[in-house]
Amino acid sequence: MESKAAGFNWENVNKRILSQLIYKGNLLQREPKCRGGLYFVTPRGVYNKIMDRLIGTGQPLPDYPQSAGSITFLSYDPDWANAVDGAPAALVATGSLTTTIAQVSLALNSPTNLPPMGVYADSIEAAFQ
């Protein structure tokens, strides 16, 4: 039996995570006690994939101050360089961006990293050659 490598479907991961963050961000910005916005903390690999999806080949998301309508993306990775055997590794901040829920929503629904036009037709034609 032939073995095939499989990986994450990052587009599906991004759509699910980003849709949830947009919904929760819109909900929380209406709450009087939510003054600092929403935080999304994740390992650097996930952070990078989400930023790739939101930014694509376009302009970076604009920075905003923390507010009820903001979202702060933070990434961390283990500090393997200073790890001690038998002890948990400390975390090191590797990325940070504070923007608005509206900017995330706009970027998700207006992707700039689409493949070239005709990519489906090319794949179909290649399969029949």
C-alpha atoms as a PDB file:
ATOM      1  CA  MET A   1       0.000   0.000   0.000  1.00  0.00           C
ATOM      2  CA  GLU A   2       1.344   3.398  -0.985  1.00  0.00           C
ATOM      3  CA  SER A   3       1.812   5.866   1.847  1.00  0.00           C
ATOM      4  CA  LYS A   4       1.070   9.551   1.338  1.00  0.00           C
ATOM      5  CA  ALA A   5       2.064  12.403   3.575  1.00  0.00           C
ATOM      6  CA  ALA A   6      -0.783  14.521   4.832  1.00  0.00           C
ATOM      7  CA  GLY A   7      -0.673  17.882   6.502  1.00  0.00           C
ATOM      8  CA  PHE A   8      -2.951  20.448   7.983  1.00  0.00           C
ATOM      9  CA  ASN A   9      -5.551  22.020   5.756  1.00  0.00           C
ATOM     10  CA  TRP A  10      -4.418  25.509   6.748  1.00  0.00           C
ATOM     11  CA  GLU A  11      -7.136  27.259   4.772  1.00  0.00           C
ATOM     12  CA  ASN A  12      -9.776  25.353   6.740  1.00  0.00           C
ATOM     13  CA  VAL A  13      -7.966  26.074  10.020  1.00  0.00           C
ATOM     14  CA  ASN A  14      -7.742  29.773   9.157  1.00  0.00           C
ATOM     15  CA  LYS A  15     -11.388  30.046   8.135  1.00  0.00           C
ATOM     16  CA  ARG A  16     -12.572  28.388  11.336  1.00  0.00           C
ATOM     17  CA  ILE A  17     -10.275  30.271  13.711  1.00  0.00           C
ATOM     18  CA  LEU A  18     -10.680  33.650  12.040  1.00  0.00           C
ATOM     19  CA  SER A  19     -14.465  33.349  11.795  1.00  0.00           C
ATOM     20  CA  GLN A  20     -14.647  32.563  15.506  1.00  0.00           C
ATOM     21  CA  LEU A  21     -12.352  35.456  16.388  1.00  0.00           C
ATOM     22  CA  ILE A  22     -14.399  37.889  14.286  1.00  0.00           C
ATOM     23  CA  TYR A  23     -17.646  36.720  15.891  1.00  0.00           C
ATOM     24  CA  LYS A  24     -16.236  36.863  19.437  1.00  0.00           C
ATOM     25  CA  GLY A  25     -14.542  40.186  18.775  1.00  0.00           C
ATOM     26  CA  ASN A  26     -17.776  41.738  17.547  1.00  0.00           C
ATOM     27  CA  LEU A  27     -19.588  40.332  20.565  1.00  0.00           C
ATOM     28  CA  LEU A  28     -16.988  41.532  23.077  1.00  0.00           C
ATOM     29  CA  GLN A  29     -16.668  45.042  21.680  1.00  0.00           C
ATOM     30  CA  ARG A  30     -20.263  45.598  22.813  1.00  0.00           C
ATOM     31  CA  GLU A  31     -19.412  44.639  26.391  1.00  0.00           C
ATOM     32  CA  PRO A  32     -18.657  47.615  28.692  1.00  0.00           C
ATOM     33  CA  LYS A  33     -16.045  45.666  30.683  1.00  0.00           C
ATOM     34  CA  CYS A  34     -14.080  44.681  27.569  1.00  0.00           C
ATOM     35  CA  ARG A  35     -11.800  47.667  27.161  1.00  0.00           C
ATOM     36  CA  GLY A  36      -8.658  45.942  25.884  1.00  0.00           C
ATOM     37  CA  GLY A  37     -10.176  43.856  23.134  1.00  0.00           C
ATOM     38  CA  LEU A  38      -9.602  40.234  22.321  1.00  0.00           C
ATOM     39  CA  TYR A  39      -6.307  38.315  22.571  1.00  0.00           C
ATOM     40  CA  PHE A  40      -5.271  35.350  20.452  1.00  0.00           C
ATOM     41  CA  VAL A  41      -2.159  33.596  21.766  1.00  0.00           C
ATOM     42  CA  THR A  42      -0.649  30.787  19.720  1.00  0.00           C
ATOM     43  CA  PRO A  43       2.613  29.083  18.728  1.00  0.00           C
ATOM     44  CA  ARG A  44       4.602  30.912  16.056  1.00  0.00           C
ATOM     45  CA  GLY A  45       3.771  28.391  13.301  1.00  0.00           C
ATOM     46  CA  VAL A  46       0.027  28.969  13.642  1.00  0.00           C
ATOM     47  CA  TYR A  47       0.543  32.744  13.996  1.00  0.00           C
ATOM     48  CA  ASN A  48       2.583  32.804  10.771  1.00  0.00           C
ATOM     49  CA  LYS A  49      -0.047  30.832   8.829  1.00  0.00           C
ATOM     50  CA  ILE A  50      -2.813  33.132  10.044  1.00  0.00           C
ATOM     51  CA  MET A  51      -0.800  36.221   9.117  1.00  0.00           C
ATOM     52  CA  ASP A  52      -0.045  34.693   5.693  1.00  0.00           C
ATOM     53  CA  ARG A  53      -3.785  34.215   5.153  1.00  0.00           C
ATOM     54  CA  LEU A  54      -4.710  37.709   6.317  1.00  0.00           C
ATOM     55  CA  ILE A  55      -1.888  39.574   4.642  1.00  0.00           C
ATOM     56  CA  GLY A  56      -1.148  37.389   1.632  1.00  0.00           C
ATOM     57  CA  THR A  57       0.894  39.430  -0.801  1.00  0.00           C
ATOM     58  CA  GLY A  58      -0.911  42.642   0.099  1.00  0.00           C
ATOM     59  CA  GLN A  59      -0.322  45.352   2.652  1.00  0.00           C
ATOM     60  CA  PRO A  60       0.202  44.383   6.291  1.00  0.00           C
ATOM     61  CA  LEU A  61      -2.737  44.846   8.626  1.00  0.00           C
ATOM     62  CA  PRO A  62      -2.567  48.312  10.172  1.00  0.00           C
ATOM     63  CA  ASP A  63      -1.590  48.617  13.829  1.00  0.00           C
ATOM     64  CA  TYR A  64      -4.208  49.998  16.218  1.00  0.00           C
ATOM     65  CA  PRO A  65      -4.127  50.714  19.942  1.00  0.00           C
ATOM     66  CA  GLN A  66      -5.858  48.247  22.213  1.00  0.00           C
ATOM     67  CA  SER A  67      -9.547  49.056  22.530  1.00  0.00           C
ATOM     68  CA  ALA A  68     -12.896  47.305  22.815  1.00  0.00           C
ATOM     69  CA  GLY A  69     -12.837  46.579  19.052  1.00  0.00           C
ATOM     70  CA  SER A  70      -9.245  45.429  18.808  1.00  0.00           C
ATOM     71  CA  ILE A  71      -7.637  42.033  18.556  1.00  0.00           C
ATOM     72  CA  THR A  72      -4.080  41.357  19.655  1.00  0.00           C
ATOM     73  CA  PHE A  73      -2.325  38.409  18.058  1.00  0.00           C
ATOM     74  CA  LEU A  74       0.597  37.086  20.105  1.00  0.00           C
ATOM     75  CA  SER A  75       2.927  34.218  19.291  1.00  0.00           C
ATOM     76  CA  TYR A  76       5.253  32.349  21.594  1.00  0.00           C
ATOM     77  CA  ASP A  77       7.696  29.501  21.219  1.00  0.00           C
ATOM     78  CA  PRO A  78       9.623  27.452  23.765  1.00  0.00           C
ATOM     79  CA  ASP A  79      13.027  28.882  24.646  1.00  0.00           C
ATOM     80  CA  TRP A  80      14.954  25.730  23.755  1.00  0.00           C
ATOM     81  CA  ALA A  81      18.292  27.546  23.885  1.00  0.00           C
ATOM     82  CA  ASN A  82      17.948  28.070  27.644  1.00  0.00           C
ATOM     83  CA  ALA A  83      15.975  24.932  28.503  1.00  0.00           C
ATOM     84  CA  VAL A  84      17.040  22.834  31.479  1.00  0.00           C
ATOM     85  CA  ASP A  85      16.684  19.047  31.346  1.00  0.00           C
ATOM     86  CA  GLY A  86      13.637  17.891  33.291  1.00  0.00           C
ATOM     87  CA  ALA A  87      12.126  21.376  33.614  1.00  0.00           C
ATOM     88  CA  PRO A  88       9.471  23.040  31.477  1.00  0.00           C
ATOM     89  CA  ALA A  89      10.941  25.366  28.858  1.00  0.00           C
ATOM     90  CA  ALA A  90      10.209  29.047  29.269  1.00  0.00           C
ATOM     91  CA  LEU A  91       8.297  30.804  26.520  1.00  0.00           C
ATOM     92  CA  VAL A  92       9.692  33.544  24.296  1.00  0.00           C
ATOM     93  CA  ALA A  93       7.505  36.084  22.518  1.00  0.00           C
ATOM     94  CA  THR A  94       8.009  35.743  18.755  1.00  0.00           C
ATOM     95  CA  GLY A  95       5.288  37.928  17.225  1.00  0.00           C
ATOM     96  CA  SER A  96       2.748  40.588  18.083  1.00  0.00           C
ATOM     97  CA  LEU A  97       0.123  42.573  16.193  1.00  0.00           C
ATOM     98  CA  THR A  98      -2.801  44.629  17.481  1.00  0.00           C
ATOM     99  CA  THR A  99      -5.382  45.565  14.867  1.00  0.00           C
ATOM    100  CA  THR A 100      -9.177  45.769  14.742  1.00  0.00           C
ATOM    101  CA  ILE A 101     -11.799  43.108  14.270  1.00  0.00           C
ATOM    102  CA  ALA A 102     -13.008  45.105  11.240  1.00  0.00           C
ATOM    103  CA  GLN A 103      -9.552  44.916   9.624  1.00  0.00           C
ATOM    104  CA  VAL A 104      -9.361  41.148  10.222  1.00  0.00           C
ATOM    105  CA  SER A 105     -12.836  40.690   8.753  1.00  0.00           C
ATOM    106  CA  LEU A 106     -11.972  42.760   5.697  1.00  0.00           C
ATOM    107  CA  ALA A 107      -8.701  40.879   5.152  1.00  0.00           C
ATOM    108  CA  LEU A 108     -10.392  37.470   5.521  1.00  0.00           C
ATOM    109  CA  ASN A 109     -13.092  38.349   3.004  1.00  0.00           C
ATOM    110  CA  SER A 110     -10.783  40.117   0.548  1.00  0.00           C
ATOM    111  CA  PRO A 111      -7.877  37.720   0.091  1.00  0.00           C
ATOM    112  CA  THR A 112      -4.861  38.962  -1.818  1.00  0.00           C
ATOM    113  CA  ASN A 113      -3.063  35.633  -1.908  1.00  0.00           C
ATOM    114  CA  LEU A 114      -5.251  33.839  -4.421  1.00  0.00           C
ATOM    115  CA  PRO A 115      -3.591  31.535  -6.945  1.00  0.00           C
ATOM    116  CA  PRO A 116      -3.387  32.699 -10.565  1.00  0.00           C
ATOM    117  CA  MET A 117      -6.589  32.792 -12.570  1.00  0.00           C
ATOM    118  CA  GLY A 118      -7.183  29.532 -14.433  1.00  0.00           C
ATOM    119  CA  VAL A 119      -5.447  27.314 -11.867  1.00  0.00           C
ATOM    120  CA  TYR A 120      -8.416  24.900 -11.762  1.00  0.00           C
ATOM    121  CA  ALA A 121      -8.607  24.610 -15.534  1.00  0.00           C
ATOM    122  CA  ASP A 122      -4.854  24.009 -15.716  1.00  0.00           C
ATOM    123  CA  SER A 123      -5.074  21.234 -13.083  1.00  0.00           C
ATOM    124  CA  ILE A 124      -7.967  19.540 -14.859  1.00  0.00           C
ATOM    125  CA  GLU A 125      -6.210  19.689 -18.225  1.00  0.00           C
ATOM    126  CA  ALA A 126      -2.974  18.367 -16.718  1.00  0.00           C
ATOM    127  CA  ALA A 127      -4.825  15.395 -15.230  1.00  0.00           C
ATOM    128  CA  PHE A 128      -6.061  14.320 -18.669  1.00  0.00           C
ATOM    129  CA  GLN A 129      -2.721  14.553 -20.471  1.00  0.00           C
END
